[in-house]
PDB file of N, CA and C in Angstrom:
ATOM      1  N   MET A   1      90.557  12.247 -61.980  1.00  0.00           N
ATOM      2  CA  MET A   1      89.473  12.333 -61.021  1.00  0.00           C
ATOM      3  C   MET A   1      88.155  11.927 -61.685  1.00  0.00           C
ATOM      4  N   ALA A   2      87.261  11.438 -60.883  1.00  0.00           N
ATOM      5  CA  ALA A   2      85.968  10.951 -61.374  1.00  0.00           C
ATOM      6  C   ALA A   2      84.994  12.109 -61.575  1.00  0.00           C
ATOM      7  N   ASN A   3      84.002  11.884 -62.398  1.00  0.00           N
ATOM      8  CA  ASN A   3      82.906  12.831 -62.545  1.00  0.00           C
ATOM      9  C   ASN A   3      81.696  12.270 -61.818  1.00  0.00           C
ATOM     10  N   LEU A   4      81.187  13.040 -60.873  1.00  0.00           N
ATOM     11  CA  LEU A   4      80.025  12.604 -60.111  1.00  0.00           C
ATOM     12  C   LEU A   4      78.757  12.859 -60.910  1.00  0.00           C
ATOM     13  N   ASN A   5      77.747  12.035 -60.672  1.00  0.00           N
ATOM     14  CA  ASN A   5      76.472  12.120 -61.363  1.00  0.00           C
ATOM     15  C   ASN A   5      75.364  12.243 -60.317  1.00  0.00           C
ATOM     16  N   VAL A   6      74.549  13.283 -60.431  1.00  0.00           N
ATOM     17  CA  VAL A   6      73.490  13.545 -59.451  1.00  0.00           C
ATOM     18  C   VAL A   6      72.575  12.336 -59.292  1.00  0.00           C
ATOM     19  N   ASP A   7      72.114  11.777 -60.395  1.00  0.00           N
ATOM     20  CA  ASP A   7      71.157  10.663 -60.314  1.00  0.00           C
ATOM     21  C   ASP A   7      71.773   9.427 -59.668  1.00  0.00           C
ATOM     22  N   ALA A   8      73.034   9.138 -59.983  1.00  0.00           N
ATOM     23  CA  ALA A   8      73.698   7.976 -59.384  1.00  0.00           C
ATOM     24  C   ALA A   8      73.905   8.180 -57.892  1.00  0.00           C
ATOM     25  N   LEU A   9      74.318   9.383 -57.495  1.00  0.00           N
ATOM     26  CA  LEU A   9      74.490   9.671 -56.072  1.00  0.00           C
ATOM     27  C   LEU A   9      73.156   9.563 -55.339  1.00  0.00           C
ATOM     28  N   PHE A  10      72.124  10.158 -55.935  1.00  0.00           N
ATOM     29  CA  PHE A  10      70.802  10.125 -55.319  1.00  0.00           C
ATOM     30  C   PHE A  10      70.310   8.690 -55.130  1.00  0.00           C
ATOM     31  N   GLN A  11      70.494   7.852 -56.134  1.00  0.00           N
ATOM     32  CA  GLN A  11      70.027   6.469 -56.052  1.00  0.00           C
ATOM     33  C   GLN A  11      70.693   5.744 -54.882  1.00  0.00           C
ATOM     34  N   LYS A  12      71.998   5.925 -54.736  1.00  0.00           N
ATOM     35  CA  LYS A  12      72.708   5.295 -53.617  1.00  0.00           C
ATOM     36  C   LYS A  12      72.195   5.822 -52.285  1.00  0.00           C
ATOM     37  N   MET A  13      71.951   7.120 -52.213  1.00  0.00           N
ATOM     38  CA  MET A  13      71.453   7.721 -50.978  1.00  0.00           C
ATOM     39  C   MET A  13      70.047   7.223 -50.657  1.00  0.00           C
ATOM     40  N   PHE A  14      69.202   7.115 -51.678  1.00  0.00           N
ATOM     41  CA  PHE A  14      67.831   6.643 -51.468  1.00  0.00           C
ATOM     42  C   PHE A  14      67.839   5.223 -50.897  1.00  0.00           C
ATOM     43  N   GLU A  15      68.641   4.360 -51.504  1.00  0.00           N
ATOM     44  CA  GLU A  15      68.718   2.976 -51.032  1.00  0.00           C
ATOM     45  C   GLU A  15      69.247   2.910 -49.603  1.00  0.00           C
ATOM     46  N   ALA A  16      70.264   3.693 -49.314  1.00  0.00           N
ATOM     47  CA  ALA A  16      70.821   3.708 -47.955  1.00  0.00           C
ATOM     48  C   ALA A  16      69.838   4.329 -46.965  1.00  0.00           C
ATOM     49  N   GLY A  17      69.075   5.314 -47.426  1.00  0.00           N
ATOM     50  CA  GLY A  17      68.129   5.992 -46.548  1.00  0.00           C
ATOM     51  C   GLY A  17      67.069   5.069 -45.997  1.00  0.00           C
ATOM     52  N   ALA A  18      66.554   4.197 -46.838  1.00  0.00           N
ATOM     53  CA  ALA A  18      65.520   3.259 -46.386  1.00  0.00           C
ATOM     54  C   ALA A  18      66.040   2.408 -45.235  1.00  0.00           C
ATOM     55  N   GLY A  19      67.292   2.002 -45.305  1.00  0.00           N
ATOM     56  CA  GLY A  19      67.877   1.206 -44.236  1.00  0.00           C
ATOM     57  C   GLY A  19      68.309   2.043 -43.041  1.00  0.00           C
ATOM     58  N   SER A  20      68.813   3.236 -43.296  1.00  0.00           N
ATOM     59  CA  SER A  20      69.329   4.089 -42.227  1.00  0.00           C
ATOM     60  C   SER A  20      68.231   4.638 -41.325  1.00  0.00           C
ATOM     61  N   PHE A  21      67.128   5.018 -41.930  1.00  0.00           N
ATOM     62  CA  PHE A  21      66.040   5.582 -41.141  1.00  0.00           C
ATOM     63  C   PHE A  21      65.150   4.501 -40.525  1.00  0.00           C
ATOM     64  N   LYS A  22      65.354   3.273 -40.948  1.00  0.00           N
ATOM     65  CA  LYS A  22      64.651   2.106 -40.405  1.00  0.00           C
ATOM     66  C   LYS A  22      63.143   2.312 -40.364  1.00  0.00           C
ATOM     67  N   GLU A  23      62.547   2.156 -39.191  1.00  0.00           N
ATOM     68  CA  GLU A  23      61.090   2.231 -39.074  1.00  0.00           C
ATOM     69  C   GLU A  23      60.552   3.639 -39.314  1.00  0.00           C
ATOM     70  N   HIS A  24      61.423   4.643 -39.299  1.00  0.00           N
ATOM     71  CA  HIS A  24      60.995   6.023 -39.552  1.00  0.00           C
ATOM     72  C   HIS A  24      60.924   6.354 -41.044  1.00  0.00           C
ATOM     73  N   TRP A  25      61.424   5.451 -41.906  1.00  0.00           N
ATOM     74  CA  TRP A  25      61.481   5.739 -43.333  1.00  0.00           C
ATOM     75  C   TRP A  25      60.142   6.183 -43.920  1.00  0.00           C
ATOM     76  N   PRO A  26      59.030   5.507 -43.616  1.00  0.00           N
ATOM     77  CA  PRO A  26      57.762   5.963 -44.194  1.00  0.00           C
ATOM     78  C   PRO A  26      57.424   7.411 -43.804  1.00  0.00           C
ATOM     79  N   ALA A  27      57.794   7.815 -42.602  1.00  0.00           N
ATOM     80  CA  ALA A  27      57.479   9.170 -42.141  1.00  0.00           C
ATOM     81  C   ALA A  27      58.377  10.227 -42.769  1.00  0.00           C
ATOM     82  N   VAL A  28      59.590   9.858 -43.161  1.00  0.00           N
ATOM     83  CA  VAL A  28      60.541  10.850 -43.665  1.00  0.00           C
ATOM     84  C   VAL A  28      60.821  10.713 -45.154  1.00  0.00           C
ATOM     85  N   GLN A  29      60.327   9.672 -45.787  1.00  0.00           N
ATOM     86  CA  GLN A  29      60.709   9.364 -47.164  1.00  0.00           C
ATOM     87  C   GLN A  29      60.527  10.541 -48.117  1.00  0.00           C
ATOM     88  N   THR A  30      59.379  11.176 -48.108  1.00  0.00           N
ATOM     89  CA  THR A  30      59.115  12.269 -49.042  1.00  0.00           C
ATOM     90  C   THR A  30      60.109  13.398 -48.860  1.00  0.00           C
ATOM     91  N   TYR A  31      60.323  13.805 -47.616  1.00  0.00           N
ATOM     92  CA  TYR A  31      61.236  14.918 -47.355  1.00  0.00           C
ATOM     93  C   TYR A  31      62.684  14.500 -47.530  1.00  0.00           C
ATOM     94  N   ALA A  32      62.995  13.273 -47.128  1.00  0.00           N
ATOM     95  CA  ALA A  32      64.368  12.785 -47.257  1.00  0.00           C
ATOM     96  C   ALA A  32      64.766  12.720 -48.731  1.00  0.00           C
ATOM     97  N   GLN A  33      63.879  12.264 -49.579  1.00  0.00           N
ATOM     98  CA  GLN A  33      64.188  12.194 -51.013  1.00  0.00           C
ATOM     99  C   GLN A  33      64.572  13.570 -51.547  1.00  0.00           C
ATOM    100  N   THR A  34      63.814  14.580 -51.196  1.00  0.00           N
ATOM    101  CA  THR A  34      64.109  15.938 -51.641  1.00  0.00           C
ATOM    102  C   THR A  34      65.457  16.395 -51.106  1.00  0.00           C
ATOM    103  N   GLU A  35      65.715  16.111 -49.843  1.00  0.00           N
ATOM    104  CA  GLU A  35      66.982  16.523 -49.233  1.00  0.00           C
ATOM    105  C   GLU A  35      68.159  15.748 -49.820  1.00  0.00           C
ATOM    106  N   PHE A  36      67.968  14.467 -50.093  1.00  0.00           N
ATOM    107  CA  PHE A  36      69.049  13.680 -50.703  1.00  0.00           C
ATOM    108  C   PHE A  36      69.387  14.233 -52.087  1.00  0.00           C
ATOM    109  N   LYS A  37      68.361  14.643 -52.831  1.00  0.00           N
ATOM    110  CA  LYS A  37      68.594  15.209 -54.153  1.00  0.00           C
ATOM    111  C   LYS A  37      69.394  16.510 -54.029  1.00  0.00           C
ATOM    112  N   LYS A  38      69.043  17.332 -53.023  1.00  0.00           N
ATOM    113  CA  LYS A  38      69.781  18.578 -52.804  1.00  0.00           C
ATOM    114  C   LYS A  38      71.245  18.292 -52.464  1.00  0.00           C
ATOM    115  N   ILE A  39      71.468  17.293 -51.613  1.00  0.00           N
ATOM    116  CA  ILE A  39      72.842  16.941 -51.257  1.00  0.00           C
ATOM    117  C   ILE A  39      73.596  16.462 -52.491  1.00  0.00           C
ATOM    118  N   ALA A  40      72.960  15.631 -53.302  1.00  0.00           N
ATOM    119  CA  ALA A  40      73.611  15.119 -54.510  1.00  0.00           C
ATOM    120  C   ALA A  40      73.984  16.265 -55.452  1.00  0.00           C
ATOM    121  N   VAL A  41      73.068  17.200 -55.649  1.00  0.00           N
ATOM    122  CA  VAL A  41      73.342  18.361 -56.498  1.00  0.00           C
ATOM    123  C   VAL A  41      74.499  19.163 -55.921  1.00  0.00           C
ATOM    124  N   GLN A  42      74.477  19.375 -54.621  1.00  0.00           N
ATOM    125  CA  GLN A  42      75.540  20.138 -53.964  1.00  0.00           C
ATOM    126  C   GLN A  42      76.893  19.446 -54.128  1.00  0.00           C
ATOM    127  N   LEU A  43      76.929  18.121 -53.978  1.00  0.00           N
ATOM    128  CA  LEU A  43      78.190  17.389 -54.128  1.00  0.00           C
ATOM    129  C   LEU A  43      78.744  17.493 -55.548  1.00  0.00           C
ATOM    130  N   VAL A  44      77.867  17.430 -56.533  1.00  0.00           N
ATOM    131  CA  VAL A  44      78.315  17.588 -57.924  1.00  0.00           C
ATOM    132  C   VAL A  44      78.844  19.015 -58.150  1.00  0.00           C
ATOM    133  N   ASP A  45      78.159  20.001 -57.589  1.00  0.00           N
ATOM    134  CA  ASP A  45      78.626  21.382 -57.710  1.00  0.00           C
ATOM    135  C   ASP A  45      79.971  21.578 -57.005  1.00  0.00           C
ATOM    136  N   ILE A  46      80.121  20.959 -55.847  1.00  0.00           N
ATOM    137  CA  ILE A  46      81.392  21.046 -55.121  1.00  0.00           C
ATOM    138  C   ILE A  46      82.508  20.428 -55.949  1.00  0.00           C
ATOM    139  N   GLU A  47      82.223  19.256 -56.519  1.00  0.00           N
ATOM    140  CA  GLU A  47      83.238  18.620 -57.359  1.00  0.00           C
ATOM    141  C   GLU A  47      83.673  19.568 -58.478  1.00  0.00           C
ATOM    142  N   LYS A  48      82.725  20.179 -59.157  1.00  0.00           N
ATOM    143  CA  LYS A  48      83.048  21.104 -60.249  1.00  0.00           C
ATOM    144  C   LYS A  48      83.885  22.272 -59.736  1.00  0.00           C
ATOM    145  N   GLY A  49      83.494  22.813 -58.586  1.00  0.00           N
ATOM    146  CA  GLY A  49      84.230  23.932 -58.014  1.00  0.00           C
ATOM    147  C   GLY A  49      85.645  23.574 -57.610  1.00  0.00           C
ATOM    148  N   VAL A  50      85.814  22.379 -57.064  1.00  0.00           N
ATOM    149  CA  VAL A  50      87.156  21.916 -56.689  1.00  0.00           C
ATOM    150  C   VAL A  50      87.996  21.720 -57.942  1.00  0.00           C
ATOM    151  N   LEU A  51      87.426  21.068 -58.940  1.00  0.00           N
ATOM    152  CA  LEU A  51      88.177  20.779 -60.153  1.00  0.00           C
ATOM    153  C   LEU A  51      88.556  22.035 -60.936  1.00  0.00           C
ATOM    154  N   ASP A  52      87.692  23.062 -60.902  1.00  0.00           N
ATOM    155  CA  ASP A  52      88.039  24.275 -61.645  1.00  0.00           C
ATOM    156  C   ASP A  52      88.780  25.303 -60.784  1.00  0.00           C
ATOM    157  N   GLY A  53      89.061  24.930 -59.534  1.00  0.00           N
ATOM    158  CA  GLY A  53      89.840  25.805 -58.661  1.00  0.00           C
ATOM    159  C   GLY A  53      89.043  26.863 -57.934  1.00  0.00           C
ATOM    160  N   SER A  54      87.717  26.860 -58.068  1.00  0.00           N
ATOM    161  CA  SER A  54      86.874  27.849 -57.388  1.00  0.00           C
ATOM    162  C   SER A  54      86.761  27.588 -55.891  1.00  0.00           C
ATOM    163  N   TYR A  55      86.833  26.305 -55.493  1.00  0.00           N
ATOM    164  CA  TYR A  55      86.665  25.938 -54.085  1.00  0.00           C
ATOM    165  C   TYR A  55      87.931  25.285 -53.558  1.00  0.00           C
ATOM    166  N   SER A  56      88.354  25.756 -52.405  1.00  0.00           N
ATOM    167  CA  SER A  56      89.429  25.086 -51.679  1.00  0.00           C
ATOM    168  C   SER A  56      88.820  23.935 -50.889  1.00  0.00           C
ATOM    169  N   GLN A  57      89.665  23.134 -50.293  1.00  0.00           N
ATOM    170  CA  GLN A  57      89.169  22.039 -49.452  1.00  0.00           C
ATOM    171  C   GLN A  57      88.342  22.602 -48.297  1.00  0.00           C
ATOM    172  N   ASN A  58      88.773  23.707 -47.702  1.00  0.00           N
ATOM    173  CA  ASN A  58      88.034  24.302 -46.577  1.00  0.00           C
ATOM    174  C   ASN A  58      86.644  24.766 -47.003  1.00  0.00           C
ATOM    175  N   ILE A  59      86.565  25.395 -48.157  1.00  0.00           N
ATOM    176  CA  ILE A  59      85.252  25.837 -48.660  1.00  0.00           C
ATOM    177  C   ILE A  59      84.370  24.624 -48.936  1.00  0.00           C
ATOM    178  N   ALA A  60      84.920  23.609 -49.586  1.00  0.00           N
ATOM    179  CA  ALA A  60      84.154  22.397 -49.889  1.00  0.00           C
ATOM    180  C   ALA A  60      83.653  21.740 -48.603  1.00  0.00           C
ATOM    181  N   ASP A  61      84.526  21.632 -47.605  1.00  0.00           N
ATOM    182  CA  ASP A  61      84.126  21.057 -46.313  1.00  0.00           C
ATOM    183  C   ASP A  61      82.973  21.855 -45.704  1.00  0.00           C
ATOM    184  N   GLY A  62      83.086  23.170 -45.740  1.00  0.00           N
ATOM    185  CA  GLY A  62      82.044  24.024 -45.180  1.00  0.00           C
ATOM    186  C   GLY A  62      80.721  23.865 -45.894  1.00  0.00           C
ATOM    187  N   LEU A  63      80.771  23.759 -47.212  1.00  0.00           N
ATOM    188  CA  LEU A  63      79.541  23.584 -47.988  1.00  0.00           C
ATOM    189  C   LEU A  63      78.859  22.260 -47.660  1.00  0.00           C
ATOM    190  N   VAL A  64      79.640  21.197 -47.497  1.00  0.00           N
ATOM    191  CA  VAL A  64      79.054  19.905 -47.135  1.00  0.00           C
ATOM    192  C   VAL A  64      78.438  19.979 -45.736  1.00  0.00           C
ATOM    193  N   ARG A  65      79.137  20.589 -44.796  1.00  0.00           N
ATOM    194  CA  ARG A  65      78.595  20.725 -43.430  1.00  0.00           C
ATOM    195  C   ARG A  65      77.278  21.505 -43.449  1.00  0.00           C
ATOM    196  N   LEU A  66      77.241  22.606 -44.189  1.00  0.00           N
ATOM    197  CA  LEU A  66      76.014  23.403 -44.268  1.00  0.00           C
ATOM    198  C   LEU A  66      74.857  22.613 -44.857  1.00  0.00           C
ATOM    199  N   GLN A  67      75.126  21.836 -45.905  1.00  0.00           N
ATOM    200  CA  GLN A  67      74.070  21.043 -46.527  1.00  0.00           C
ATOM    201  C   GLN A  67      73.560  19.969 -45.574  1.00  0.00           C
ATOM    202  N   LYS A  68      74.476  19.333 -44.837  1.00  0.00           N
ATOM    203  CA  LYS A  68      74.058  18.314 -43.872  1.00  0.00           C
ATOM    204  C   LYS A  68      73.168  18.924 -42.796  1.00  0.00           C
ATOM    205  N   ILE A  69      73.550  20.088 -42.300  1.00  0.00           N
ATOM    206  CA  ILE A  69      72.758  20.766 -41.260  1.00  0.00           C
ATOM    207  C   ILE A  69      71.388  21.147 -41.818  1.00  0.00           C
ATOM    208  N   ALA A  70      71.365  21.727 -43.001  1.00  0.00           N
ATOM    209  CA  ALA A  70      70.095  22.140 -43.600  1.00  0.00           C
ATOM    210  C   ALA A  70      69.176  20.943 -43.812  1.00  0.00           C
ATOM    211  N   SER A  71      69.723  19.856 -44.339  1.00  0.00           N
ATOM    212  CA  SER A  71      68.916  18.658 -44.582  1.00  0.00           C
ATOM    213  C   SER A  71      68.408  18.062 -43.282  1.00  0.00           C
ATOM    214  N   ALA A  72      69.268  18.011 -42.285  1.00  0.00           N
ATOM    215  CA  ALA A  72      68.849  17.479 -40.986  1.00  0.00           C
ATOM    216  C   ALA A  72      67.724  18.315 -40.402  1.00  0.00           C
ATOM    217  N   ASN A  73      67.811  19.634 -40.524  1.00  0.00           N
ATOM    218  CA  ASN A  73      66.770  20.505 -39.978  1.00  0.00           C
ATOM    219  C   ASN A  73      65.435  20.313 -40.679  1.00  0.00           C
ATOM    220  N   VAL A  74      65.452  20.137 -41.989  1.00  0.00           N
ATOM    221  CA  VAL A  74      64.204  19.912 -42.728  1.00  0.00           C
ATOM    222  C   VAL A  74      63.568  18.600 -42.287  1.00  0.00           C
ATOM    223  N   ILE A  75      64.375  17.551 -42.230  1.00  0.00           N
ATOM    224  CA  ILE A  75      63.843  16.245 -41.843  1.00  0.00           C
ATOM    225  C   ILE A  75      63.348  16.269 -40.404  1.00  0.00           C
ATOM    226  N   LEU A  76      64.077  16.942 -39.533  1.00  0.00           N
ATOM    227  CA  LEU A  76      63.635  17.079 -38.141  1.00  0.00           C
ATOM    228  C   LEU A  76      62.296  17.794 -38.052  1.00  0.00           C
ATOM    229  N   ALA A  77      62.178  18.873 -38.764  1.00  0.00           N
ATOM    230  CA  ALA A  77      60.965  19.688 -38.690  1.00  0.00           C
ATOM    231  C   ALA A  77      59.742  18.964 -39.234  1.00  0.00           C
ATOM    232  N   THR A  78      59.954  18.036 -40.128  1.00  0.00           N
ATOM    233  CA  THR A  78      58.818  17.380 -40.766  1.00  0.00           C
ATOM    234  C   THR A  78      58.511  15.995 -40.213  1.00  0.00           C
ATOM    235  N   SER A  79      59.406  15.453 -39.384  1.00  0.00           N
ATOM    236  CA  SER A  79      59.233  14.058 -38.998  1.00  0.00           C
ATOM    237  C   SER A  79      58.998  13.804 -37.521  1.00  0.00           C
ATOM    238  N   GLY A  80      59.405  14.717 -36.671  1.00  0.00           N
ATOM    239  CA  GLY A  80      59.293  14.474 -35.244  1.00  0.00           C
ATOM    240  C   GLY A  80      60.389  13.571 -34.703  1.00  0.00           C
ATOM    241  N   MET A  81      61.384  13.253 -35.517  1.00  0.00           N
ATOM    242  CA  MET A  81      62.505  12.432 -35.054  1.00  0.00           C
ATOM    243  C   MET A  81      63.454  13.290 -34.219  1.00  0.00           C
ATOM    244  N   THR A  82      64.333  12.649 -33.481  1.00  0.00           N
ATOM    245  CA  THR A  82      65.303  13.385 -32.683  1.00  0.00           C
ATOM    246  C   THR A  82      66.514  13.753 -33.531  1.00  0.00           C
ATOM    247  N   LEU A  83      67.227  14.778 -33.099  1.00  0.00           N
ATOM    248  CA  LEU A  83      68.408  15.248 -33.820  1.00  0.00           C
ATOM    249  C   LEU A  83      69.442  14.145 -33.973  1.00  0.00           C
ATOM    250  N   LEU A  84      69.685  13.397 -32.924  1.00  0.00           N
ATOM    251  CA  LEU A  84      70.696  12.334 -32.989  1.00  0.00           C
ATOM    252  C   LEU A  84      70.319  11.266 -34.006  1.00  0.00           C
ATOM    253  N   ALA A  85      69.054  10.906 -34.045  1.00  0.00           N
ATOM    254  CA  ALA A  85      68.608   9.887 -34.991  1.00  0.00           C
ATOM    255  C   ALA A  85      68.749  10.385 -36.430  1.00  0.00           C
ATOM    256  N   VAL A  86      68.387  11.623 -36.681  1.00  0.00           N
ATOM    257  CA  VAL A  86      68.480  12.171 -38.029  1.00  0.00           C
ATOM    258  C   VAL A  86      69.932  12.319 -38.453  1.00  0.00           C
ATOM    259  N   GLU A  87      70.771  12.832 -37.566  1.00  0.00           N
ATOM    260  CA  GLU A  87      72.197  12.975 -37.892  1.00  0.00           C
ATOM    261  C   GLU A  87      72.829  11.624 -38.190  1.00  0.00           C
ATOM    262  N   ALA A  88      72.509  10.641 -37.383  1.00  0.00           N
ATOM    263  CA  ALA A  88      73.065   9.298 -37.598  1.00  0.00           C
ATOM    264  C   ALA A  88      72.623   8.745 -38.942  1.00  0.00           C
ATOM    265  N   ALA A  89      71.365   8.936 -39.286  1.00  0.00           N
ATOM    266  CA  ALA A  89      70.859   8.426 -40.560  1.00  0.00           C
ATOM    267  C   ALA A  89      71.498   9.162 -41.737  1.00  0.00           C
ATOM    268  N   ILE A  90      71.606  10.481 -41.661  1.00  0.00           N
ATOM    269  CA  ILE A  90      72.227  11.233 -42.758  1.00  0.00           C
ATOM    270  C   ILE A  90      73.692  10.838 -42.902  1.00  0.00           C
ATOM    271  N   ASN A  91      74.397  10.678 -41.793  1.00  0.00           N
ATOM    272  CA  ASN A  91      75.799  10.237 -41.871  1.00  0.00           C
ATOM    273  C   ASN A  91      75.899   8.856 -42.512  1.00  0.00           C
ATOM    274  N   ALA A  92      74.991   7.961 -42.174  1.00  0.00           N
ATOM    275  CA  ALA A  92      75.003   6.621 -42.762  1.00  0.00           C
ATOM    276  C   ALA A  92      74.719   6.695 -44.263  1.00  0.00           C
ATOM    277  N   VAL A  93      73.805   7.564 -44.648  1.00  0.00           N
ATOM    278  CA  VAL A  93      73.482   7.731 -46.060  1.00  0.00           C
ATOM    279  C   VAL A  93      74.690   8.276 -46.823  1.00  0.00           C
ATOM    280  N   LEU A  94      75.389   9.225 -46.241  1.00  0.00           N
ATOM    281  CA  LEU A  94      76.563   9.802 -46.907  1.00  0.00           C
ATOM    282  C   LEU A  94      77.738   8.833 -46.966  1.00  0.00           C
ATOM    283  N   GLU A  95      77.792   7.894 -46.042  1.00  0.00           N
ATOM    284  CA  GLU A  95      78.876   6.910 -46.054  1.00  0.00           C
ATOM    285  C   GLU A  95      78.912   6.121 -47.355  1.00  0.00           C
ATOM    286  N   VAL A  96      77.753   5.886 -47.963  1.00  0.00           N
ATOM    287  CA  VAL A  96      77.732   5.121 -49.211  1.00  0.00           C
ATOM    288  C   VAL A  96      78.362   5.898 -50.360  1.00  0.00           C
ATOM    289  N   LEU A  97      78.556   7.199 -50.170  1.00  0.00           N
ATOM    290  CA  LEU A  97      79.128   8.041 -51.207  1.00  0.00           C
ATOM    291  C   LEU A  97      80.600   8.362 -50.982  1.00  0.00           C
ATOM    292  N   GLN A  98      81.131   7.999 -49.833  1.00  0.00           N
ATOM    293  CA  GLN A  98      82.487   8.407 -49.470  1.00  0.00           C
ATOM    294  C   GLN A  98      83.516   8.145 -50.549  1.00  0.00           C
ATOM    295  N   GLY A  99      83.629   6.922 -50.985  1.00  0.00           N
ATOM    296  CA  GLY A  99      84.658   6.567 -51.954  1.00  0.00           C
ATOM    297  C   GLY A  99      84.549   7.373 -53.232  1.00  0.00           C
ATOM    298  N   ALA A 100      83.355   7.431 -53.799  1.00  0.00           N
ATOM    299  CA  ALA A 100      83.162   8.134 -55.070  1.00  0.00           C
ATOM    300  C   ALA A 100      83.422   9.632 -54.926  1.00  0.00           C
ATOM    301  N   VAL A 101      82.875  10.240 -53.895  1.00  0.00           N
ATOM    302  CA  VAL A 101      83.019  11.687 -53.727  1.00  0.00           C
ATOM    303  C   VAL A 101      84.459  12.052 -53.389  1.00  0.00           C
ATOM    304  N   ASN A 102      85.068  11.338 -52.455  1.00  0.00           N
ATOM    305  CA  ASN A 102      86.444  11.652 -52.073  1.00  0.00           C
ATOM    306  C   ASN A 102      87.407  11.471 -53.234  1.00  0.00           C
ATOM    307  N   THR A 103      87.184  10.446 -54.048  1.00  0.00           N
ATOM    308  CA  THR A 103      88.013  10.252 -55.239  1.00  0.00           C
ATOM    309  C   THR A 103      87.795  11.387 -56.230  1.00  0.00           C
ATOM    310  N   ALA A 104      86.549  11.800 -56.404  1.00  0.00           N
ATOM    311  CA  ALA A 104      86.229  12.842 -57.382  1.00  0.00           C
ATOM    312  C   ALA A 104      86.858  14.189 -57.031  1.00  0.00           C
ATOM    313  N   VAL A 105      86.892  14.531 -55.745  1.00  0.00           N
ATOM    314  CA  VAL A 105      87.441  15.839 -55.363  1.00  0.00           C
ATOM    315  C   VAL A 105      88.932  15.758 -55.021  1.00  0.00           C
ATOM    316  N   GLY A 106      89.439  14.555 -54.803  1.00  0.00           N
ATOM    317  CA  GLY A 106      90.874  14.385 -54.552  1.00  0.00           C
ATOM    318  C   GLY A 106      91.305  14.581 -53.120  1.00  0.00           C
ATOM    319  N   PHE A 107      90.343  14.621 -52.197  1.00  0.00           N
ATOM    320  CA  PHE A 107      90.645  14.708 -50.768  1.00  0.00           C
ATOM    321  C   PHE A 107      89.456  14.167 -49.991  1.00  0.00           C
ATOM    322  N   VAL A 108      89.652  13.968 -48.685  1.00  0.00           N
ATOM    323  CA  VAL A 108      88.578  13.445 -47.846  1.00  0.00           C
ATOM    324  C   VAL A 108      87.574  14.567 -47.586  1.00  0.00           C
ATOM    325  N   LEU A 109      86.401  14.446 -48.193  1.00  0.00           N
ATOM    326  CA  LEU A 109      85.343  15.429 -48.019  1.00  0.00           C
ATOM    327  C   LEU A 109      84.215  14.853 -47.174  1.00  0.00           C
ATOM    328  N   ILE A 110      83.956  13.573 -47.331  1.00  0.00           N
ATOM    329  CA  ILE A 110      82.896  12.907 -46.562  1.00  0.00           C
ATOM    330  C   ILE A 110      83.548  11.833 -45.714  1.00  0.00           C
TER     331      ILE A 110
END
């Protein structure tokens, strides 16, 4: 299994975020960067928990869902964007991580 790296995950998310949020990027960039970093940290922690047996697939899935909801709420509260737009952008940002994260944990997490 692969070892995930917070900085590498964050960089991919940042690049995808600029495209995913489109014209809203300037309004959400500061908050999105912070939230992307939190997601990256959470994904690395999940990987460690899965690999050491602390987290089952169900727990890992729940942790990812909670982080997505928390990040979406922060971006919503600070940007004035709609829930659907923020969810779509966060999902698009996470898509760039699918292969690496799913390989690292050994199951479909994203």
